Protein backbone atom coordinates (compact mmCIF):
# COMPACT_ATOMS: atom_id res chain seq x y z
CA MET A 1 34.59 136.90 32.89
CA GLN A 2 37.61 138.25 34.32
CA THR A 3 39.49 135.75 36.67
CA ASP A 4 40.74 137.32 39.69
CA SER A 5 40.36 134.17 42.04
CA ILE A 6 39.96 130.44 42.14
CA ALA A 7 36.28 130.93 42.48
CA ASP A 8 35.96 132.57 39.05
CA ILE A 9 37.67 129.51 37.78
CA ILE A 10 34.24 127.41 38.61
CA ARG A 11 32.06 130.50 37.69
CA THR A 12 33.47 130.94 34.12
CA GLN A 13 33.35 127.17 33.30
CA ALA A 14 29.87 126.70 34.72
CA GLN A 15 28.70 129.77 32.19
CA GLN A 16 30.42 128.35 29.29
CA ALA A 17 29.93 124.48 29.82
CA PRO A 18 27.59 123.83 32.49
CA VAL A 19 26.91 120.11 31.63
CA ARG A 20 30.36 119.27 30.84
CA ARG A 21 31.74 116.60 33.34
CA ALA A 22 34.12 118.31 35.59
CA PHE A 23 35.09 116.33 38.56
CA VAL A 24 34.95 112.48 39.30
CA GLU A 25 35.27 110.53 42.52
CA PRO A 26 34.67 106.74 42.98
CA ASP A 27 31.18 107.42 44.07
CA ARG A 28 30.13 110.71 42.53
CA GLU A 29 30.51 112.75 39.69
CA TRP A 30 30.25 116.69 39.12
CA THR A 31 29.32 118.81 36.19
CA PHE A 32 30.77 122.38 36.24
CA GLY A 33 27.33 123.70 36.86
CA GLN A 34 26.97 121.24 39.59
CA LEU A 35 30.39 122.41 41.11
CA ASP A 36 29.21 125.99 40.77
CA ASP A 37 25.61 125.35 42.33
CA GLU A 38 27.11 123.53 45.52
CA THR A 39 30.01 125.83 46.04
CA ASN A 40 27.49 128.74 46.02
CA ARG A 41 25.41 126.84 48.66
CA ILE A 42 28.43 125.83 50.81
CA ALA A 43 29.56 129.57 50.65
CA ASN A 44 26.05 130.66 51.69
CA GLY A 45 26.21 128.37 54.59
CA LEU A 46 29.53 129.50 55.69
CA ILE A 47 28.37 133.09 55.70
CA ALA A 48 25.54 131.94 57.82
CA ALA A 49 27.88 130.44 60.32
CA GLY A 50 29.74 133.65 60.76
CA VAL A 51 32.63 133.20 58.11
CA GLY A 52 33.55 136.46 56.46
CA GLU A 53 36.42 138.14 54.57
CA GLY A 54 39.84 136.85 55.69
CA ASP A 55 38.58 134.33 58.25
CA THR A 56 39.60 130.63 57.76
CA VAL A 57 37.72 127.21 57.17
CA ALA A 58 39.66 124.22 57.56
CA CYS A 59 39.39 120.76 55.98
CA LEU A 60 40.51 117.39 57.39
CA THR A 61 39.75 114.97 54.77
CA ARG A 62 40.73 112.29 52.35
CA SER A 63 38.32 113.49 49.75
CA LEU A 64 39.74 115.83 47.32
CA GLY A 65 36.27 116.61 46.35
CA ALA A 66 35.18 117.81 49.53
CA CYS A 67 38.38 119.89 49.79
CA LEU A 68 37.83 121.49 46.49
CA LEU A 69 34.38 122.30 47.25
CA LEU A 70 35.35 124.11 50.51
CA SER A 71 38.07 126.02 48.98
CA VAL A 72 36.02 127.40 45.98
CA ALA A 73 33.19 128.12 48.52
CA ALA A 74 35.67 129.90 50.94
CA ALA A 75 36.79 132.07 47.84
CA LYS A 76 33.22 132.91 47.03
CA CYS A 77 32.86 134.56 50.46
CA GLY A 78 36.25 135.92 50.71
CA ALA A 79 37.50 133.49 53.23
CA ILE A 80 40.80 131.53 53.33
CA SER A 81 40.59 127.47 53.10
CA VAL A 82 43.22 125.34 55.07
CA PRO A 83 43.67 121.65 53.87
CA LEU A 84 44.98 120.00 56.93
CA ASN A 85 47.18 116.79 56.95
CA TRP A 86 44.61 113.92 58.15
CA ARG A 87 47.81 111.67 58.88
CA LEU A 88 49.11 113.79 61.62
CA LYS A 89 48.76 112.81 65.25
CA PRO A 90 45.83 114.63 67.47
CA GLY A 91 48.59 117.04 69.14
CA GLU A 92 49.86 118.07 65.68
CA ILE A 93 46.40 118.68 64.35
CA ASP A 94 45.61 120.65 67.64
CA TYR A 95 48.66 122.98 67.04
CA ALA A 96 47.74 123.61 63.24
CA ILE A 97 44.00 124.35 64.43
CA ARG A 98 45.07 126.76 67.05
CA LEU A 99 47.36 128.42 64.76
CA VAL A 100 44.82 129.25 61.87
CA ASP A 101 41.68 129.12 64.22
CA PRO A 102 39.10 128.33 61.73
CA LYS A 103 35.34 128.97 62.10
CA VAL A 104 34.23 125.80 60.13
CA LEU A 105 35.77 122.30 60.02
CA VAL A 106 34.91 119.80 57.23
CA SER A 107 36.30 116.43 58.21
CA ASP A 108 35.87 112.63 57.53
CA ALA A 109 33.74 111.09 60.51
CA GLY A 110 36.33 108.67 61.10
CA VAL A 111 39.22 111.16 61.34
CA ALA A 112 36.75 113.55 63.93
CA GLU A 113 36.07 110.54 66.12
CA GLY A 114 39.85 110.25 66.43
CA LEU A 115 40.06 113.78 67.64
CA ALA A 116 37.45 113.71 70.34
CA GLU A 117 39.90 114.88 72.91
CA LEU A 118 40.54 118.21 71.13
CA SER A 119 36.88 119.22 71.65
CA LEU A 120 36.75 120.63 68.18
CA GLY A 121 33.11 121.33 68.27
CA SER A 122 33.62 123.91 71.04
CA ARG A 123 35.84 125.87 69.02
CA MET A 124 34.07 125.70 65.60
CA THR A 125 31.12 124.35 63.52
CA VAL A 126 32.20 120.70 62.45
CA LEU A 127 30.67 119.33 59.23
CA LEU A 128 31.31 115.83 58.13
CA VAL A 129 32.09 114.42 54.57
CA ASP A 130 30.22 111.32 55.87
CA GLY A 131 28.55 109.77 58.92
CA PRO A 132 25.10 108.95 60.24
CA ASP A 133 23.61 112.30 60.95
CA LEU A 134 22.62 113.97 57.82
CA ALA A 135 22.37 117.26 59.65
CA THR A 136 25.88 117.66 59.95
CA GLN A 137 26.99 116.03 56.57
CA LEU A 138 28.43 118.58 54.36
CA GLY A 139 26.20 117.70 51.36
CA PRO A 140 22.67 117.69 53.13
CA TRP A 141 23.67 120.77 54.75
CA ALA A 142 24.71 122.52 51.59
CA ALA A 143 21.49 121.38 50.02
CA HIS A 144 19.47 123.59 52.36
CA GLN A 145 21.44 126.78 51.73
CA ARG A 146 20.78 129.48 49.29
CA GLY A 147 21.98 128.77 45.52
CA GLU A 148 22.80 132.19 44.62
CA ASP A 149 26.41 133.18 44.18
CA PRO A 150 27.13 135.42 47.21
CA GLY A 151 29.10 137.72 44.79
CA VAL A 152 31.98 138.49 47.06
CA ARG A 153 35.06 139.41 44.99
CA MET A 154 38.53 139.68 46.58
CA PRO A 155 41.55 141.14 45.26
CA SER A 156 43.90 138.69 43.32
CA ASN A 157 46.62 139.34 45.69
CA SER A 158 44.63 137.96 48.62
CA VAL A 159 45.23 134.89 50.17
CA ALA A 160 43.52 131.84 48.71
CA PHE A 161 44.42 128.98 51.02
CA CYS A 162 46.90 128.22 53.76
CA MET A 163 48.96 124.85 53.34
CA PHE A 164 51.09 123.57 55.79
CA SER A 165 54.82 123.05 54.91
CA SER A 166 56.36 119.47 55.32
CA GLY A 167 57.81 120.09 58.76
CA THR A 168 60.95 118.19 58.04
CA THR A 169 63.06 120.31 60.44
CA GLY A 170 60.66 121.49 63.03
CA ARG A 171 57.20 122.71 63.36
CA PRO A 172 55.40 122.93 59.99
CA LYS A 173 54.70 126.58 58.91
CA ALA A 174 51.28 127.73 57.13
CA VAL A 175 52.17 129.06 53.75
CA SER A 176 49.84 131.50 52.63
CA VAL A 177 49.19 130.81 48.85
CA THR A 178 47.36 133.75 47.01
CA HIS A 179 44.84 133.75 44.06
CA GLU A 180 47.24 135.12 41.73
CA GLY A 181 49.95 132.61 42.69
CA VAL A 182 47.51 129.60 41.65
CA LEU A 183 46.17 131.65 38.54
CA ALA A 184 49.80 132.49 37.45
CA HIS A 185 50.66 128.80 37.60
CA ILE A 186 47.89 128.06 35.31
CA ARG A 187 48.74 130.77 32.75
CA HIS A 188 52.20 130.12 32.67
CA TRP A 189 52.63 126.34 32.93
CA THR A 190 49.75 125.06 30.54
CA GLY A 191 52.06 125.35 27.39
CA PRO A 192 55.12 123.97 28.68
CA PHE A 193 53.07 121.03 30.38
CA GLY A 194 51.36 120.34 26.91
CA PHE A 195 47.95 120.28 28.25
CA LYS A 196 45.30 120.20 25.63
CA GLY A 197 42.42 122.44 27.18
CA SER A 198 39.11 120.74 27.80
CA ASP A 199 40.46 117.43 26.36
CA THR A 200 42.57 117.12 29.46
CA VAL A 201 41.52 114.24 31.83
CA HIS A 202 43.96 114.41 34.92
CA LEU A 203 44.05 111.30 37.43
CA ASN A 204 44.85 112.95 40.80
CA VAL A 205 45.96 110.57 43.59
CA LEU A 206 47.82 112.98 45.82
CA PRO A 207 46.71 113.90 49.19
CA THR A 208 44.29 116.70 49.86
CA PHE A 209 46.94 118.64 51.93
CA HIS A 210 49.53 118.52 49.13
CA VAL A 211 49.84 121.77 46.89
CA SER A 212 50.09 119.79 43.69
CA GLY A 213 46.56 117.85 44.59
CA LEU A 214 44.88 120.94 44.96
CA VAL A 215 46.61 123.32 42.45
CA ASN A 216 46.51 120.64 39.73
CA ALA A 217 42.84 119.99 40.24
CA LEU A 218 41.96 123.89 39.97
CA TRP A 219 44.31 124.03 36.91
CA VAL A 220 42.68 121.39 34.94
CA LEU A 221 39.27 122.58 35.80
CA GLY A 222 40.41 125.98 34.73
CA LEU A 223 41.20 124.36 31.32
CA GLY A 224 37.69 123.20 31.32
CA GLY A 225 38.94 119.51 31.57
CA THR A 226 38.14 116.79 33.65
CA VAL A 227 39.78 115.70 37.13
CA VAL A 228 39.54 112.07 38.38
CA THR A 229 40.47 111.48 41.69
CA ARG A 230 41.25 108.62 44.09
CA ALA A 231 41.66 109.04 47.89
CA ALA A 232 44.52 106.57 47.92
CA PHE A 233 47.04 104.99 45.51
CA ASP A 234 46.83 101.49 44.36
CA PRO A 235 48.96 100.57 41.49
CA THR A 236 46.02 97.97 40.08
CA ASP A 237 43.33 100.74 40.50
CA PHE A 238 45.43 103.57 39.32
CA LEU A 239 46.20 101.71 35.97
CA ALA A 240 42.65 100.59 35.54
CA SER A 241 41.41 104.03 36.12
CA ILE A 242 43.71 105.35 33.13
CA ALA A 243 42.12 102.80 30.84
CA ARG A 244 38.25 103.55 32.13
CA TYR A 245 38.70 107.17 32.05
CA SER A 246 41.01 107.69 28.90
CA VAL A 247 43.20 109.59 31.27
CA THR A 248 45.66 112.01 29.46
CA ASP A 249 47.92 112.93 32.25
CA THR A 250 48.85 112.52 36.17
CA PHE A 251 51.29 113.55 38.59
CA MET A 252 53.11 111.10 40.87
CA VAL A 253 55.75 110.69 43.43
CA PRO A 254 58.75 108.63 42.49
CA THR A 255 57.77 105.46 44.83
CA MET A 256 54.29 105.41 42.78
CA LEU A 257 56.27 105.45 39.59
CA GLY A 258 58.31 102.71 40.80
CA ALA A 259 55.04 100.85 41.85
CA ILE A 260 53.15 101.11 38.59
CA VAL A 261 56.05 99.74 36.53
CA ALA A 262 56.56 96.89 38.71
CA SER A 263 52.90 96.03 38.84
CA PRO A 264 51.56 92.74 37.18
CA ALA A 265 48.85 94.79 35.58
CA PHE A 266 51.29 97.09 33.78
CA ALA A 267 51.89 95.14 30.66
CA SER A 268 48.19 94.26 29.97
CA THR A 269 46.70 97.73 30.78
CA ASP A 270 45.65 99.95 27.70
CA LEU A 271 47.70 102.96 28.41
CA ARG A 272 47.24 104.45 24.87
CA SER A 273 45.32 107.67 26.32
CA LEU A 274 48.38 108.55 28.58
CA GLN A 275 50.33 111.31 27.11
CA CYS A 276 52.37 112.44 30.07
CA ILE A 277 53.40 111.54 33.70
CA ALA A 278 54.68 114.40 35.71
CA TYR A 279 56.64 113.33 38.86
CA GLY A 280 58.44 115.19 41.75
CA CYS A 281 58.24 116.04 45.40
CA SER A 282 61.23 113.71 46.37
CA PRO A 283 64.35 112.57 44.84
CA ILE A 284 64.35 109.50 42.36
CA SER A 285 67.24 107.09 41.85
CA LEU A 286 68.76 107.29 38.30
CA ASP A 287 68.40 103.56 37.89
CA LEU A 288 64.61 103.83 38.55
CA LEU A 289 63.94 106.87 36.23
CA THR A 290 65.99 105.27 33.51
CA ARG A 291 63.74 102.11 33.72
CA CYS A 292 60.74 104.27 33.37
CA VAL A 293 61.90 106.34 30.31
CA ARG A 294 62.24 102.98 28.63
CA ALA A 295 59.12 101.39 29.91
CA LEU A 296 56.52 103.93 30.02
CA PRO A 297 54.64 104.54 26.58
CA CYS A 298 54.09 108.16 27.42
CA ALA A 299 56.05 111.55 28.08
CA LEU A 300 57.85 112.15 31.43
CA ARG A 301 58.06 115.55 33.17
CA HIS A 302 60.19 116.09 36.48
CA VAL A 303 58.61 118.90 38.42
CA TYR A 304 60.69 120.97 40.93
CA GLY A 305 58.50 123.23 43.09
CA MET A 306 57.40 123.88 46.53
CA THR A 307 54.18 125.26 48.33
CA GLU A 308 55.86 128.57 48.77
CA SER A 309 55.82 128.76 45.12
CA SER A 310 52.24 127.61 44.51
CA GLY A 311 53.78 124.78 42.63
CA CYS A 312 56.14 124.39 39.81
CA ILE A 313 59.38 126.45 39.59
CA ALA A 314 61.51 124.18 37.05
CA LEU A 315 60.36 121.47 34.62
CA LEU A 316 62.66 118.78 32.93
CA GLN A 317 60.89 118.17 29.59
CA PRO A 318 60.33 114.95 27.61
CA ASP A 319 63.40 115.62 25.17
CA ASP A 320 65.55 116.07 28.36
CA HIS A 321 64.74 112.63 29.44
CA ARG A 322 65.25 111.09 26.21
CA ARG A 323 68.83 112.88 25.97
CA GLY A 324 69.54 111.76 29.54
CA LEU A 325 69.54 108.21 28.51
CA GLU A 326 72.72 108.90 26.69
CA ASN A 327 73.98 111.68 29.08
CA PRO A 328 72.56 110.64 32.60
CA GLN A 329 73.69 113.95 34.11
CA ILE A 330 70.77 115.51 32.56
CA LEU A 331 68.31 113.32 34.55
CA LYS A 332 69.79 114.62 37.67
CA ALA A 333 68.69 117.98 36.80
CA ALA A 334 65.46 119.51 38.41
CA GLY A 335 64.65 121.16 35.11
CA HIS A 336 64.35 124.48 33.32
CA PRO A 337 63.18 127.35 35.35
CA GLY A 338 59.78 128.94 34.21
CA ALA A 339 59.98 131.90 31.93
CA HIS A 340 58.27 133.83 34.50
CA PHE A 341 60.57 133.00 37.25
CA GLU A 342 64.01 134.66 38.10
CA VAL A 343 66.44 132.31 39.65
CA ARG A 344 69.69 133.15 41.59
CA ILE A 345 72.15 131.13 43.37
CA GLY A 346 73.44 132.92 46.50
CA ASP A 347 75.69 132.10 49.31
CA PRO A 348 73.42 131.60 52.22
CA ARG A 349 75.66 133.30 54.68
CA SER A 350 77.27 136.27 52.85
CA GLY A 351 74.30 136.90 50.22
CA VAL A 352 76.93 136.94 47.50
CA ILE A 353 75.65 135.64 44.09
CA CYS A 354 77.67 132.60 43.21
CA GLY A 355 79.17 131.88 39.99
CA ASP A 356 77.95 129.38 37.29
CA GLU A 357 77.95 125.86 38.44
CA ALA A 358 78.86 126.71 42.09
CA VAL A 359 76.62 125.34 44.68
CA GLY A 360 74.72 127.93 46.87
CA GLU A 361 70.96 128.54 48.07
CA ILE A 362 68.43 128.72 45.23
CA TRP A 363 66.51 132.26 45.21
CA VAL A 364 63.45 132.69 43.22
CA ARG A 365 61.40 135.62 42.48
CA SER A 366 58.04 135.44 40.55
CA CYS A 367 54.33 136.21 40.61
CA GLN A 368 53.76 132.76 41.91
CA ASN A 369 55.49 133.26 45.36
CA PHE A 370 53.67 133.06 48.31
CA ASP A 371 52.26 135.81 50.63
CA GLY A 372 54.28 134.77 53.62
CA TYR A 373 53.93 132.33 56.68
CA TYR A 374 50.39 132.87 58.44
CA LYS A 375 50.84 134.60 61.89
CA ASP A 376 54.84 134.19 61.63
CA PRO A 377 56.35 137.52 60.71
CA GLU A 378 59.66 136.26 61.80
CA ALA A 379 59.83 133.40 59.55
CA THR A 380 58.42 135.41 56.48
CA GLN A 381 61.10 137.90 57.12
CA GLN A 382 63.55 135.09 56.90
CA ALA A 383 62.11 133.80 53.83
CA PHE A 384 62.00 137.37 52.15
CA PRO A 385 65.07 139.11 53.56
CA GLU A 386 64.29 142.30 51.28
CA GLY A 387 60.62 142.11 51.69
CA ARG A 388 57.97 140.69 49.60
CA PRO A 389 57.60 140.59 46.52
CA GLY A 390 61.49 140.30 46.56
CA TRP A 391 63.55 137.18 46.38
CA TYR A 392 62.35 134.33 48.29
CA ARG A 393 65.08 132.01 49.80
CA THR A 394 63.91 128.45 49.13
CA GLY A 395 66.36 126.78 51.60
CA ASP A 396 67.41 124.43 48.91
CA ALA A 397 71.04 124.20 47.73
CA GLY A 398 71.74 123.86 44.04
CA TYR A 399 73.45 125.22 41.01
CA LEU A 400 72.74 126.47 37.51
CA ALA A 401 74.37 124.91 34.43
CA ASP A 402 73.59 124.79 30.75
CA GLY A 403 70.21 126.63 31.38
CA LEU A 404 69.26 123.74 33.83
CA LEU A 405 68.69 124.04 37.78
CA TYR A 406 70.29 121.31 39.66
CA VAL A 407 68.86 120.73 43.25
CA SER A 408 71.85 119.33 45.55
CA ASP A 409 70.06 119.22 48.97
CA ARG A 410 68.41 121.26 51.58
CA ILE A 411 70.89 123.86 53.16
CA LYS A 412 70.04 122.86 56.66
CA ASP A 413 71.08 119.08 55.83
CA MET A 414 74.50 120.37 54.36
CA ILE A 415 77.15 118.82 56.31
CA ILE A 416 80.71 120.82 56.86
CA THR A 417 83.32 118.33 57.49
CA GLY A 418 86.95 119.70 57.88
CA GLY A 419 85.81 122.97 56.13
CA GLU A 420 84.35 121.07 53.11
CA ASN A 421 80.63 121.23 52.20
CA VAL A 422 78.89 117.75 51.76
CA TYR A 423 75.49 117.50 50.37
CA PRO A 424 73.91 114.25 51.77
CA VAL A 425 71.75 113.62 48.58
CA GLU A 426 75.13 113.08 46.63
CA VAL A 427 76.13 110.49 49.19
CA GLU A 428 72.73 108.83 49.18
CA GLN A 429 72.86 108.68 45.37
CA VAL A 430 75.93 106.60 45.62
CA LEU A 431 74.72 104.21 48.29
CA VAL A 432 71.34 103.19 46.98
CA THR A 433 73.13 101.77 43.97
CA HIS A 434 74.75 99.14 46.20
CA PRO A 435 72.65 95.77 45.48
CA ALA A 436 72.02 95.31 49.24
CA VAL A 437 70.66 98.65 49.99
CA ARG A 438 67.12 99.52 49.79
CA ASP A 439 66.86 102.90 51.43
CA VAL A 440 69.41 105.25 52.80
CA ALA A 441 69.58 108.70 54.64
CA VAL A 442 72.90 110.54 55.15
CA ILE A 443 73.20 112.75 58.36
CA GLY A 444 75.82 114.85 59.81
CA ILE A 445 77.20 113.97 63.41
CA ARG A 446 79.60 115.83 65.69
CA ASP A 447 83.20 115.12 65.52
CA GLU A 448 85.90 116.45 67.63
CA THR A 449 88.49 116.68 64.81
CA TRP A 450 86.46 117.74 61.59
CA GLY A 451 83.62 119.58 63.30
CA GLU A 452 81.16 117.14 61.79
CA SER A 453 81.45 113.68 60.03
CA VAL A 454 79.19 112.01 57.56
CA ARG A 455 77.12 108.97 58.91
CA ALA A 456 74.73 106.86 56.86
CA CYS A 457 71.55 105.30 58.03
CA VAL A 458 71.13 102.16 55.91
CA ALA A 459 68.06 99.90 55.40
CA LEU A 460 69.09 96.61 53.59
CA ARG A 461 66.81 94.66 51.08
CA GLY A 462 65.53 91.43 52.52
CA GLY A 463 67.69 88.52 52.36
CA THR A 464 70.75 90.62 51.65
CA THR A 465 73.61 91.46 54.00
CA ALA A 466 76.41 94.30 53.97
CA SER A 467 79.05 95.54 56.60
CA GLU A 468 79.89 98.83 57.40
CA SER A 469 83.10 98.68 56.12
CA GLU A 470 81.93 97.22 52.81
CA LEU A 471 79.52 100.21 52.33
CA ILE A 472 82.24 102.99 53.09
CA ALA A 473 84.66 101.23 50.87
CA PHE A 474 81.81 101.05 48.17
CA THR A 475 81.49 104.91 48.26
CA ARG A 476 85.27 105.53 48.70
CA GLU A 477 85.55 104.02 45.12
CA ARG A 478 82.88 106.54 43.55
CA ILE A 479 83.29 109.93 45.35
CA ALA A 480 85.70 112.09 47.13
CA HIS A 481 86.95 110.62 50.25
CA TYR A 482 85.61 113.46 52.41
CA LYS A 483 82.20 112.95 51.20
CA CYS A 484 82.12 109.38 52.27
CA PRO A 485 80.55 108.04 55.48
CA LYS A 486 82.87 107.41 58.30
CA SER A 487 80.13 105.50 60.11
CA VAL A 488 77.02 103.43 59.21
CA VAL A 489 74.02 102.59 61.39
CA PHE A 490 71.54 99.91 60.17
CA VAL A 491 67.83 100.40 60.38
CA GLU A 492 64.50 98.73 59.45
CA GLU A 493 63.19 101.92 57.69
CA ILE A 494 63.91 105.33 56.83
CA PRO A 495 61.39 107.81 58.54
CA ARG A 496 59.45 109.82 55.86
CA ASN A 497 56.55 112.24 55.72
CA PRO A 498 53.45 111.58 53.60
CA SER A 499 55.21 113.45 50.65
CA GLY A 500 58.20 110.76 50.91
CA LYS A 501 60.57 113.32 51.90
CA ILE A 502 63.23 111.88 54.65
CA LEU A 503 62.55 113.24 58.21
CA LYS A 504 66.26 113.85 58.96
CA THR A 505 65.46 115.57 62.47
CA VAL A 506 64.16 112.13 63.51
CA LEU A 507 67.21 110.54 62.39
CA ARG A 508 69.54 113.06 64.09
CA GLU A 509 67.72 112.74 67.23
CA LYS A 510 68.22 108.96 67.28
CA TYR A 511 71.55 108.56 65.57
CA ALA A 512 73.64 111.78 65.89
């Protein structure tokens, strides 16, 4: 069968291996045949509810199973699925819903109750993943629909789903990810990730609204493998799930990595099936990464990617991690760009291409790139100044050296002090090595003399103390003086979004 959409992933596997276990949630499992049948029924139900080609349907649920079912069903009737962040406040969810204007919303009952003031039912059909009323529950509702495949076929360059960006610098934007972007990810990254086809068992603990959560699930299912999912991350349950299901690989954010290595259950858990842990989404300290390389009995791969690239752009391989024990500079790299990616480093103001090892904005061109920002032509034009499918300007600062891509920071977070560029991550990486520092974020503040000066927001470890002058002196011993903080504020916590990225907008509003 020709594969042109994410729906074809399930169609193909259902033909080839209908009784093979495909998807596992704590209270339910699906074979490929069952996934195909249930997504057929949901697709027919969507059509009966007035959903057609190009329309949107949204999900607001912790259940990756429900999100996956809705996304595949939407593809089967030519619609676009929109996974929404259930951690957002009602006003933020209201903004997202008004932007994408879905005809159907699938939600957890508890989440829907918290949004009562939004009058969701007056805007769309609301179906619940759980709840007392079987008539509005997704499963029973789907069971009463026709089981035949609607047979709608969409071109591969059409939009599969919209996922909202992190929104660390303002209103989040809806990223239009195409079917081709997801399918290209599967085609080109399976080899570099070392996946073993249908023998792959992937443990997925990422949120439903995270690009890696949904794309990784589709990826493994496309290989005929099995996806085991948990709605929340718990180190003990995570380790137990690896042993119970003979998990071969997983994807984690750095805070999760630290939690499993520190877990009392780590030493006693049978991890022999585990072949690889991929990690990414937020920076990792060199100390934690070195400890993980030494402690974990499996390969580590660092992923640099984003929603706008349908996932992975660059990959730091296991051999790189091992070499990094002797040469720590390697461990600071984002990875080797994919063979199907063109990568340039450009000056964000002039557009001139930067020389080797010169820091500039990372630009990428690939079949994985997104289609644009939904209903936002101005932001799309800024992202693709030459038009799509041209170069996508990521907004990340970085450089290329020895075939590796290094990511310095976000361009918008760069501080210009006395004409010199300072990338906050570099300063943060120094401060976090101080024994009293638990977490840190660096921002720029207005300075009459220098234009901007560097300010560090620091959360201290419990039971420790450190003064402003002590921390400033600590950095001045390790990096150029113009990069060092001129002031330090002490905070209880560094604000982060659900992906672990620092919300510097919040810090600037309060401390700049």
